[in-house]
């Protein structure tokens, strides 16, 4: 059984990392706008805020995140995946990037099926037409989706954004798992 002090230290570290994600996101928004555009509402974390933004602006934001990911040594496939999954899950991709950078996320499932997601055989189509998705990519995508979905749900429930990030870090299955 772990020492109670070790458990408190681990929870404190997770909370500090979650608050660091929030601080990095705020700084990113300041840099992008030239001023603090964060007013304390959790609405800014949802991708719906970007609905009125020109496609060229969205492309430049995507390029900025991918460039920063490359500078951090993150694989480009992971950076592209996190951007796309964050948008699909309704979370600002910049928040997703900060979560991935810290490694804070929901635990991978124990019973994850690494089998192929392609049909086993088809008498009219050759097997090479449906290459199986690598298991690591499936697991990464699932972890990203669950983590982003969980954070978005907590942000929707909690008015205080700082408390929402603390609550996310305090979830029992959230930890430093990497992606």
Foldseek 3Di string as FASTA:
>chain_A
DDDPVVVVVQLVVLLVLLVVLVVVVQVVVCVVVVHRPDDQFLLVFFCVVCPPPDPVVVVVVLVVQLVVCVVLVHDSVLSVLLCVLLNVLGGHSSSSSSCLSQQKFFAQDPPDDQDFPDDPDDPVDDPVVRDGDGSVVVRSNVGSNRGSNQLSVLSVVDSGNSVSSSVSSVPPRIHRDHD
